[in-house]
């Protein structure tokens, strides 16, 4: 089953359709139909594995995260239009930081993990975003789909470091951080404000988490 899940995750429906029909309107429609079927089958298989899906409730995402050993260390609420959204930061004692936030209160929007993973040549095979330095993958993964699978794959490739030896840029921002800045053309100033907001959040983490993710340079 797991192999089929990976096969579906790797399937580029647009590429498949264009190889048959070329770059055409017909290829676009075929790709759309293929995407619908791909999503349906992928959701079915992930449900059987009790893993996270692209379209997921926050309640289910947090349940699976906690079963894997994560715990909520930071929670922030924000009034967005006519609803209250919640931003979560979770921590795993193996040295894994997760951020996720709600969308329309009950649905989960983004979900990403940040970590230092020590290993050998297999690190490049499991890298999603980040870089490898001195045998350590300073990485982060989008875990909206397949959180359990991603954790299992990373553990098979190396060892998570409970205290990071290589700090990294943390995008600990929910979607509403930048939502109100869309009309601001001062990108440098906008990013400076975002970094200040993130630093304020990190300052409220438990001391043991700050010590783990902010090693001395």
C-alpha atoms as a PDB file:
ATOM      1  CA  UNK A   1       0.000   0.000   0.000  1.00  0.00           C
ATOM      2  CA  UNK A   2       2.776   2.415   0.961  1.00  0.00           C
ATOM      3  CA  UNK A   3       4.421   1.998  -2.451  1.00  0.00           C
ATOM      4  CA  UNK A   4       1.157   2.908  -4.138  1.00  0.00           C
ATOM      5  CA  UNK A   5       0.840   6.001  -1.938  1.00  0.00           C
ATOM      6  CA  UNK A   6       4.318   7.128  -2.983  1.00  0.00           C
ATOM      7  CA  UNK A   7       3.542   6.368  -6.611  1.00  0.00           C
ATOM      8  CA  UNK A   8       0.463   8.597  -6.447  1.00  0.00           C
ATOM      9  CA  UNK A   9       2.357  11.375  -4.657  1.00  0.00           C
ATOM     10  CA  UNK A  10       4.984  11.313  -7.407  1.00  0.00           C
ATOM     11  CA  UNK A  11       2.434  11.241 -10.242  1.00  0.00           C
ATOM     12  CA  UNK A  12       2.464  14.442 -12.322  1.00  0.00           C
ATOM     13  CA  UNK A  13      -0.926  14.337 -14.025  1.00  0.00           C
ATOM     14  CA  UNK A  14      -0.165  17.325 -16.260  1.00  0.00           C
ATOM     15  CA  UNK A  15       3.009  15.682 -17.563  1.00  0.00           C
ATOM     16  CA  UNK A  16       1.162  12.418 -18.280  1.00  0.00           C
ATOM     17  CA  UNK A  17      -1.680  14.188 -20.094  1.00  0.00           C
ATOM     18  CA  UNK A  18       0.642  16.358 -22.176  1.00  0.00           C
ATOM     19  CA  UNK A  19       2.698  13.353 -23.261  1.00  0.00           C
ATOM     20  CA  UNK A  20      -0.448  11.899 -24.809  1.00  0.00           C
ATOM     21  CA  UNK A  21      -2.304  15.006 -26.025  1.00  0.00           C
ATOM     22  CA  UNK A  22       0.429  17.615 -26.203  1.00  0.00           C
ATOM     23  CA  UNK A  23      -0.036  21.068 -24.699  1.00  0.00           C
ATOM     24  CA  UNK A  24      -3.706  21.516 -25.491  1.00  0.00           C
ATOM     25  CA  UNK A  25      -7.095  22.252 -23.965  1.00  0.00           C
ATOM     26  CA  UNK A  26      -7.856  18.546 -24.158  1.00  0.00           C
ATOM     27  CA  UNK A  27      -4.738  17.758 -22.108  1.00  0.00           C
ATOM     28  CA  UNK A  28      -5.864  20.254 -19.463  1.00  0.00           C
ATOM     29  CA  UNK A  29      -9.246  18.551 -19.092  1.00  0.00           C
ATOM     30  CA  UNK A  30      -7.692  15.086 -18.947  1.00  0.00           C
ATOM     31  CA  UNK A  31      -5.213  16.264 -16.310  1.00  0.00           C
ATOM     32  CA  UNK A  32      -8.079  17.678 -14.252  1.00  0.00           C
ATOM     33  CA  UNK A  33      -9.996  14.384 -14.382  1.00  0.00           C
ATOM     34  CA  UNK A  34      -6.826  12.452 -13.513  1.00  0.00           C
ATOM     35  CA  UNK A  35      -6.202  14.747 -10.539  1.00  0.00           C
ATOM     36  CA  UNK A  36      -9.713  14.099  -9.213  1.00  0.00           C
ATOM     37  CA  UNK A  37      -9.184  10.321  -9.430  1.00  0.00           C
ATOM     38  CA  UNK A  38      -5.682  10.590  -7.971  1.00  0.00           C
ATOM     39  CA  UNK A  39      -6.962  12.562  -4.972  1.00  0.00           C
ATOM     40  CA  UNK A  40      -9.819  10.130  -4.411  1.00  0.00           C
ATOM     41  CA  UNK A  41      -7.543   7.065  -4.393  1.00  0.00           C
ATOM     42  CA  UNK A  42      -4.821   8.789  -2.343  1.00  0.00           C
ATOM     43  CA  UNK A  43      -7.309   9.871   0.318  1.00  0.00           C
ATOM     44  CA  UNK A  44      -8.692   6.338   0.490  1.00  0.00           C
ATOM     45  CA  UNK A  45      -5.234   4.803   0.997  1.00  0.00           C
ATOM     46  CA  UNK A  46      -4.173   7.416   3.550  1.00  0.00           C
ATOM     47  CA  UNK A  47      -7.390   6.836   5.490  1.00  0.00           C
ATOM     48  CA  UNK A  48      -6.567   3.134   5.625  1.00  0.00           C
ATOM     49  CA  UNK A  49      -3.114   4.021   7.000  1.00  0.00           C
ATOM     50  CA  UNK A  50      -4.645   6.594   9.383  1.00  0.00           C
ATOM     51  CA  UNK A  51      -2.338   9.243   7.972  1.00  0.00           C
ATOM     52  CA  UNK A  52      -2.824  12.937   7.243  1.00  0.00           C
ATOM     53  CA  UNK A  53      -4.386  14.046   3.950  1.00  0.00           C
ATOM     54  CA  UNK A  54      -4.094  17.256   1.937  1.00  0.00           C
ATOM     55  CA  UNK A  55      -7.655  18.170   2.936  1.00  0.00           C
ATOM     56  CA  UNK A  56      -7.699  17.491   6.661  1.00  0.00           C
ATOM     57  CA  UNK A  57      -9.387  18.671   9.842  1.00  0.00           C
ATOM     58  CA  UNK A  58      -7.208  20.249  12.480  1.00  0.00           C
ATOM     59  CA  UNK A  59      -8.646  17.874  15.057  1.00  0.00           C
ATOM     60  CA  UNK A  60      -7.447  14.832  13.112  1.00  0.00           C
ATOM     61  CA  UNK A  61      -4.067  16.379  12.300  1.00  0.00           C
ATOM     62  CA  UNK A  62      -3.409  17.123  15.982  1.00  0.00           C
ATOM     63  CA  UNK A  63      -4.550  13.623  16.996  1.00  0.00           C
ATOM     64  CA  UNK A  64      -2.107  11.942  14.608  1.00  0.00           C
ATOM     65  CA  UNK A  65       0.676  14.355  15.592  1.00  0.00           C
ATOM     66  CA  UNK A  66       0.218  13.601  19.295  1.00  0.00           C
ATOM     67  CA  UNK A  67       0.183   9.855  18.609  1.00  0.00           C
ATOM     68  CA  UNK A  68       3.579  10.309  16.964  1.00  0.00           C
ATOM     69  CA  UNK A  69       4.951  12.071  20.049  1.00  0.00           C
ATOM     70  CA  UNK A  70       4.385  15.755  19.285  1.00  0.00           C
ATOM     71  CA  UNK A  71       2.981  18.095  21.912  1.00  0.00           C
ATOM     72  CA  UNK A  72       1.607  21.619  21.588  1.00  0.00           C
ATOM     73  CA  UNK A  73       4.025  24.193  23.021  1.00  0.00           C
ATOM     74  CA  UNK A  74       2.516  27.382  21.594  1.00  0.00           C
ATOM     75  CA  UNK A  75      -0.986  28.444  20.616  1.00  0.00           C
ATOM     76  CA  UNK A  76      -2.143  31.761  19.195  1.00  0.00           C
ATOM     77  CA  UNK A  77      -5.600  32.894  18.131  1.00  0.00           C
ATOM     78  CA  UNK A  78      -6.514  35.601  15.649  1.00  0.00           C
ATOM     79  CA  UNK A  79      -9.777  37.153  14.567  1.00  0.00           C
ATOM     80  CA  UNK A  80      -9.903  36.808  10.770  1.00  0.00           C
ATOM     81  CA  UNK A  81     -13.000  38.361   9.228  1.00  0.00           C
ATOM     82  CA  UNK A  82     -15.962  36.675  10.944  1.00  0.00           C
ATOM     83  CA  UNK A  83     -14.086  33.783  12.551  1.00  0.00           C
ATOM     84  CA  UNK A  84     -11.313  32.966  15.017  1.00  0.00           C
ATOM     85  CA  UNK A  85      -8.348  31.029  13.622  1.00  0.00           C
ATOM     86  CA  UNK A  86      -5.694  29.208  15.651  1.00  0.00           C
ATOM     87  CA  UNK A  87      -1.956  28.855  15.031  1.00  0.00           C
ATOM     88  CA  UNK A  88      -0.121  25.949  16.682  1.00  0.00           C
ATOM     89  CA  UNK A  89       3.538  25.135  17.267  1.00  0.00           C
ATOM     90  CA  UNK A  90       4.293  21.559  18.321  1.00  0.00           C
ATOM     91  CA  UNK A  91       7.510  19.974  19.537  1.00  0.00           C
ATOM     92  CA  UNK A  92       8.835  16.424  19.445  1.00  0.00           C
ATOM     93  CA  UNK A  93      11.587  15.568  21.918  1.00  0.00           C
ATOM     94  CA  UNK A  94      13.635  14.066  19.075  1.00  0.00           C
ATOM     95  CA  UNK A  95      14.189  17.672  17.974  1.00  0.00           C
ATOM     96  CA  UNK A  96      11.359  18.210  15.493  1.00  0.00           C
ATOM     97  CA  UNK A  97       9.403  21.467  15.374  1.00  0.00           C
ATOM     98  CA  UNK A  98       6.000  21.584  13.663  1.00  0.00           C
ATOM     99  CA  UNK A  99       3.814  24.537  12.745  1.00  0.00           C
ATOM    100  CA  UNK A 100       0.219  24.390  11.531  1.00  0.00           C
ATOM    101  CA  UNK A 101      -2.863  26.583  11.537  1.00  0.00           C
ATOM    102  CA  UNK A 102      -6.600  26.325  11.078  1.00  0.00           C
ATOM    103  CA  UNK A 103      -8.597  27.524   8.098  1.00  0.00           C
ATOM    104  CA  UNK A 104     -12.216  28.457   8.719  1.00  0.00           C
ATOM    105  CA  UNK A 105     -11.709  27.248  12.300  1.00  0.00           C
ATOM    106  CA  UNK A 106     -12.030  23.475  11.761  1.00  0.00           C
ATOM    107  CA  UNK A 107      -9.908  22.713   8.692  1.00  0.00           C
ATOM    108  CA  UNK A 108      -6.127  22.570   8.777  1.00  0.00           C
ATOM    109  CA  UNK A 109      -4.312  24.899   6.412  1.00  0.00           C
ATOM    110  CA  UNK A 110      -0.518  24.453   6.311  1.00  0.00           C
ATOM    111  CA  UNK A 111       1.608  21.955   8.249  1.00  0.00           C
ATOM    112  CA  UNK A 112       5.430  21.845   8.186  1.00  0.00           C
ATOM    113  CA  UNK A 113       8.156  20.201  10.255  1.00  0.00           C
ATOM    114  CA  UNK A 114      11.710  21.527  10.819  1.00  0.00           C
ATOM    115  CA  UNK A 115      14.600  19.361  11.990  1.00  0.00           C
ATOM    116  CA  UNK A 116      18.286  18.412  11.915  1.00  0.00           C
ATOM    117  CA  UNK A 117      18.799  14.848  10.638  1.00  0.00           C
ATOM    118  CA  UNK A 118      22.223  13.202  10.832  1.00  0.00           C
ATOM    119  CA  UNK A 119      22.937  10.444   8.337  1.00  0.00           C
ATOM    120  CA  UNK A 120      24.892   9.296   5.317  1.00  0.00           C
ATOM    121  CA  UNK A 121      24.285   9.447   1.576  1.00  0.00           C
ATOM    122  CA  UNK A 122      20.593   8.650   2.020  1.00  0.00           C
ATOM    123  CA  UNK A 123      19.947  12.209   3.197  1.00  0.00           C
ATOM    124  CA  UNK A 124      19.738  13.596  -0.336  1.00  0.00           C
ATOM    125  CA  UNK A 125      17.154  10.955  -1.215  1.00  0.00           C
ATOM    126  CA  UNK A 126      14.761  12.119   1.496  1.00  0.00           C
ATOM    127  CA  UNK A 127      15.422  15.866   1.270  1.00  0.00           C
ATOM    128  CA  UNK A 128      12.376  17.983   0.476  1.00  0.00           C
ATOM    129  CA  UNK A 129      13.568  21.502   1.351  1.00  0.00           C
ATOM    130  CA  UNK A 130      16.807  22.540   3.001  1.00  0.00           C
ATOM    131  CA  UNK A 131      20.437  21.535   2.553  1.00  0.00           C
ATOM    132  CA  UNK A 132      23.009  19.012   3.762  1.00  0.00           C
ATOM    133  CA  UNK A 133      26.073  20.260   5.654  1.00  0.00           C
ATOM    134  CA  UNK A 134      28.663  18.096   7.363  1.00  0.00           C
ATOM    135  CA  UNK A 135      26.430  15.041   7.181  1.00  0.00           C
ATOM    136  CA  UNK A 136      23.393  16.827   8.645  1.00  0.00           C
ATOM    137  CA  UNK A 137      20.196  17.538   6.740  1.00  0.00           C
ATOM    138  CA  UNK A 138      18.955  20.960   7.842  1.00  0.00           C
ATOM    139  CA  UNK A 139      15.536  20.332   6.485  1.00  0.00           C
ATOM    140  CA  UNK A 140      11.885  20.967   6.499  1.00  0.00           C
ATOM    141  CA  UNK A 141       8.958  19.031   5.071  1.00  0.00           C
ATOM    142  CA  UNK A 142       5.401  19.876   4.133  1.00  0.00           C
ATOM    143  CA  UNK A 143       3.440  17.273   6.120  1.00  0.00           C
ATOM    144  CA  UNK A 144      -0.108  18.105   5.123  1.00  0.00           C
ATOM    145  CA  UNK A 145      -0.089  14.768   3.309  1.00  0.00           C
ATOM    146  CA  UNK A 146       1.442  11.669   4.880  1.00  0.00           C
ATOM    147  CA  UNK A 147       2.850  12.839   8.220  1.00  0.00           C
ATOM    148  CA  UNK A 148       3.300   9.274   9.485  1.00  0.00           C
ATOM    149  CA  UNK A 149       4.933   8.208   6.217  1.00  0.00           C
ATOM    150  CA  UNK A 150       7.276  11.200   6.191  1.00  0.00           C
ATOM    151  CA  UNK A 151       8.419  10.567   9.763  1.00  0.00           C
ATOM    152  CA  UNK A 152       9.043   6.882   9.002  1.00  0.00           C
ATOM    153  CA  UNK A 153      11.010   7.726   5.848  1.00  0.00           C
ATOM    154  CA  UNK A 154      13.207  10.265   7.642  1.00  0.00           C
ATOM    155  CA  UNK A 155      13.908   7.907  10.553  1.00  0.00           C
ATOM    156  CA  UNK A 156      14.987   5.221   8.107  1.00  0.00           C
ATOM    157  CA  UNK A 157      17.483   7.647   6.527  1.00  0.00           C
ATOM    158  CA  UNK A 158      19.162   8.950   9.664  1.00  0.00           C
ATOM    159  CA  UNK A 159      18.890  10.095  13.254  1.00  0.00           C
ATOM    160  CA  UNK A 160      17.033  13.204  14.387  1.00  0.00           C
ATOM    161  CA  UNK A 161      19.200  15.449  16.568  1.00  0.00           C
ATOM    162  CA  UNK A 162      17.390  16.493  19.795  1.00  0.00           C
ATOM    163  CA  UNK A 163      19.573  19.625  19.877  1.00  0.00           C
ATOM    164  CA  UNK A 164      20.142  21.206  16.495  1.00  0.00           C
ATOM    165  CA  UNK A 165      23.751  21.665  15.466  1.00  0.00           C
ATOM    166  CA  UNK A 166      22.767  23.730  12.445  1.00  0.00           C
ATOM    167  CA  UNK A 167      20.157  26.477  13.026  1.00  0.00           C
ATOM    168  CA  UNK A 168      17.826  27.332  10.169  1.00  0.00           C
ATOM    169  CA  UNK A 169      15.397  29.949   8.943  1.00  0.00           C
ATOM    170  CA  UNK A 170      12.026  29.164  10.518  1.00  0.00           C
ATOM    171  CA  UNK A 171       8.898  30.294   8.692  1.00  0.00           C
ATOM    172  CA  UNK A 172       6.737  30.250  11.820  1.00  0.00           C
ATOM    173  CA  UNK A 173       3.992  32.361  10.311  1.00  0.00           C
ATOM    174  CA  UNK A 174       0.323  31.510   9.768  1.00  0.00           C
ATOM    175  CA  UNK A 175      -1.291  32.699   6.570  1.00  0.00           C
ATOM    176  CA  UNK A 176      -2.743  35.794   8.220  1.00  0.00           C
ATOM    177  CA  UNK A 177       0.705  37.192   9.029  1.00  0.00           C
ATOM    178  CA  UNK A 178       1.169  38.219   5.404  1.00  0.00           C
ATOM    179  CA  UNK A 179      -2.479  38.457   4.422  1.00  0.00           C
ATOM    180  CA  UNK A 180      -2.797  42.019   5.689  1.00  0.00           C
ATOM    181  CA  UNK A 181       0.441  43.088   3.960  1.00  0.00           C
ATOM    182  CA  UNK A 182      -0.566  42.345   0.374  1.00  0.00           C
ATOM    183  CA  UNK A 183      -0.854  46.012  -0.512  1.00  0.00           C
ATOM    184  CA  UNK A 184       2.543  46.834   0.986  1.00  0.00           C
ATOM    185  CA  UNK A 185       5.174  47.069  -1.766  1.00  0.00           C
ATOM    186  CA  UNK A 186       8.012  47.499   0.719  1.00  0.00           C
ATOM    187  CA  UNK A 187       9.101  43.837   0.689  1.00  0.00           C
ATOM    188  CA  UNK A 188      12.187  44.460   2.841  1.00  0.00           C
ATOM    189  CA  UNK A 189      10.191  46.289   5.475  1.00  0.00           C
ATOM    190  CA  UNK A 190       7.430  43.698   5.352  1.00  0.00           C
ATOM    191  CA  UNK A 191       9.884  40.843   5.933  1.00  0.00           C
ATOM    192  CA  UNK A 192      11.496  42.733   8.804  1.00  0.00           C
ATOM    193  CA  UNK A 193       8.106  43.002  10.514  1.00  0.00           C
ATOM    194  CA  UNK A 194       7.431  39.291   9.926  1.00  0.00           C
ATOM    195  CA  UNK A 195      10.789  38.315  11.433  1.00  0.00           C
ATOM    196  CA  UNK A 196      10.066  40.440  14.494  1.00  0.00           C
ATOM    197  CA  UNK A 197       6.708  38.694  14.934  1.00  0.00           C
ATOM    198  CA  UNK A 198       8.351  35.273  14.598  1.00  0.00           C
ATOM    199  CA  UNK A 199      11.070  36.209  17.111  1.00  0.00           C
ATOM    200  CA  UNK A 200       8.363  37.240  19.584  1.00  0.00           C
ATOM    201  CA  UNK A 201       6.667  33.858  19.163  1.00  0.00           C
ATOM    202  CA  UNK A 202       9.921  31.950  19.663  1.00  0.00           C
ATOM    203  CA  UNK A 203      10.618  33.952  22.828  1.00  0.00           C
ATOM    204  CA  UNK A 204       7.476  32.414  24.343  1.00  0.00           C
ATOM    205  CA  UNK A 205       8.562  28.813  23.701  1.00  0.00           C
ATOM    206  CA  UNK A 206       9.630  26.664  26.671  1.00  0.00           C
ATOM    207  CA  UNK A 207      13.293  27.179  27.520  1.00  0.00           C
ATOM    208  CA  UNK A 208      14.233  23.597  26.611  1.00  0.00           C
ATOM    209  CA  UNK A 209      12.838  24.096  23.089  1.00  0.00           C
ATOM    210  CA  UNK A 210      14.641  27.411  22.595  1.00  0.00           C
ATOM    211  CA  UNK A 211      17.868  25.778  23.762  1.00  0.00           C
ATOM    212  CA  UNK A 212      17.363  22.928  21.290  1.00  0.00           C
ATOM    213  CA  UNK A 213      16.615  25.004  18.192  1.00  0.00           C
ATOM    214  CA  UNK A 214      18.846  28.018  18.845  1.00  0.00           C
ATOM    215  CA  UNK A 215      22.308  26.567  19.495  1.00  0.00           C
ATOM    216  CA  UNK A 216      25.198  28.964  19.921  1.00  0.00           C
ATOM    217  CA  UNK A 217      26.947  29.803  16.628  1.00  0.00           C
END
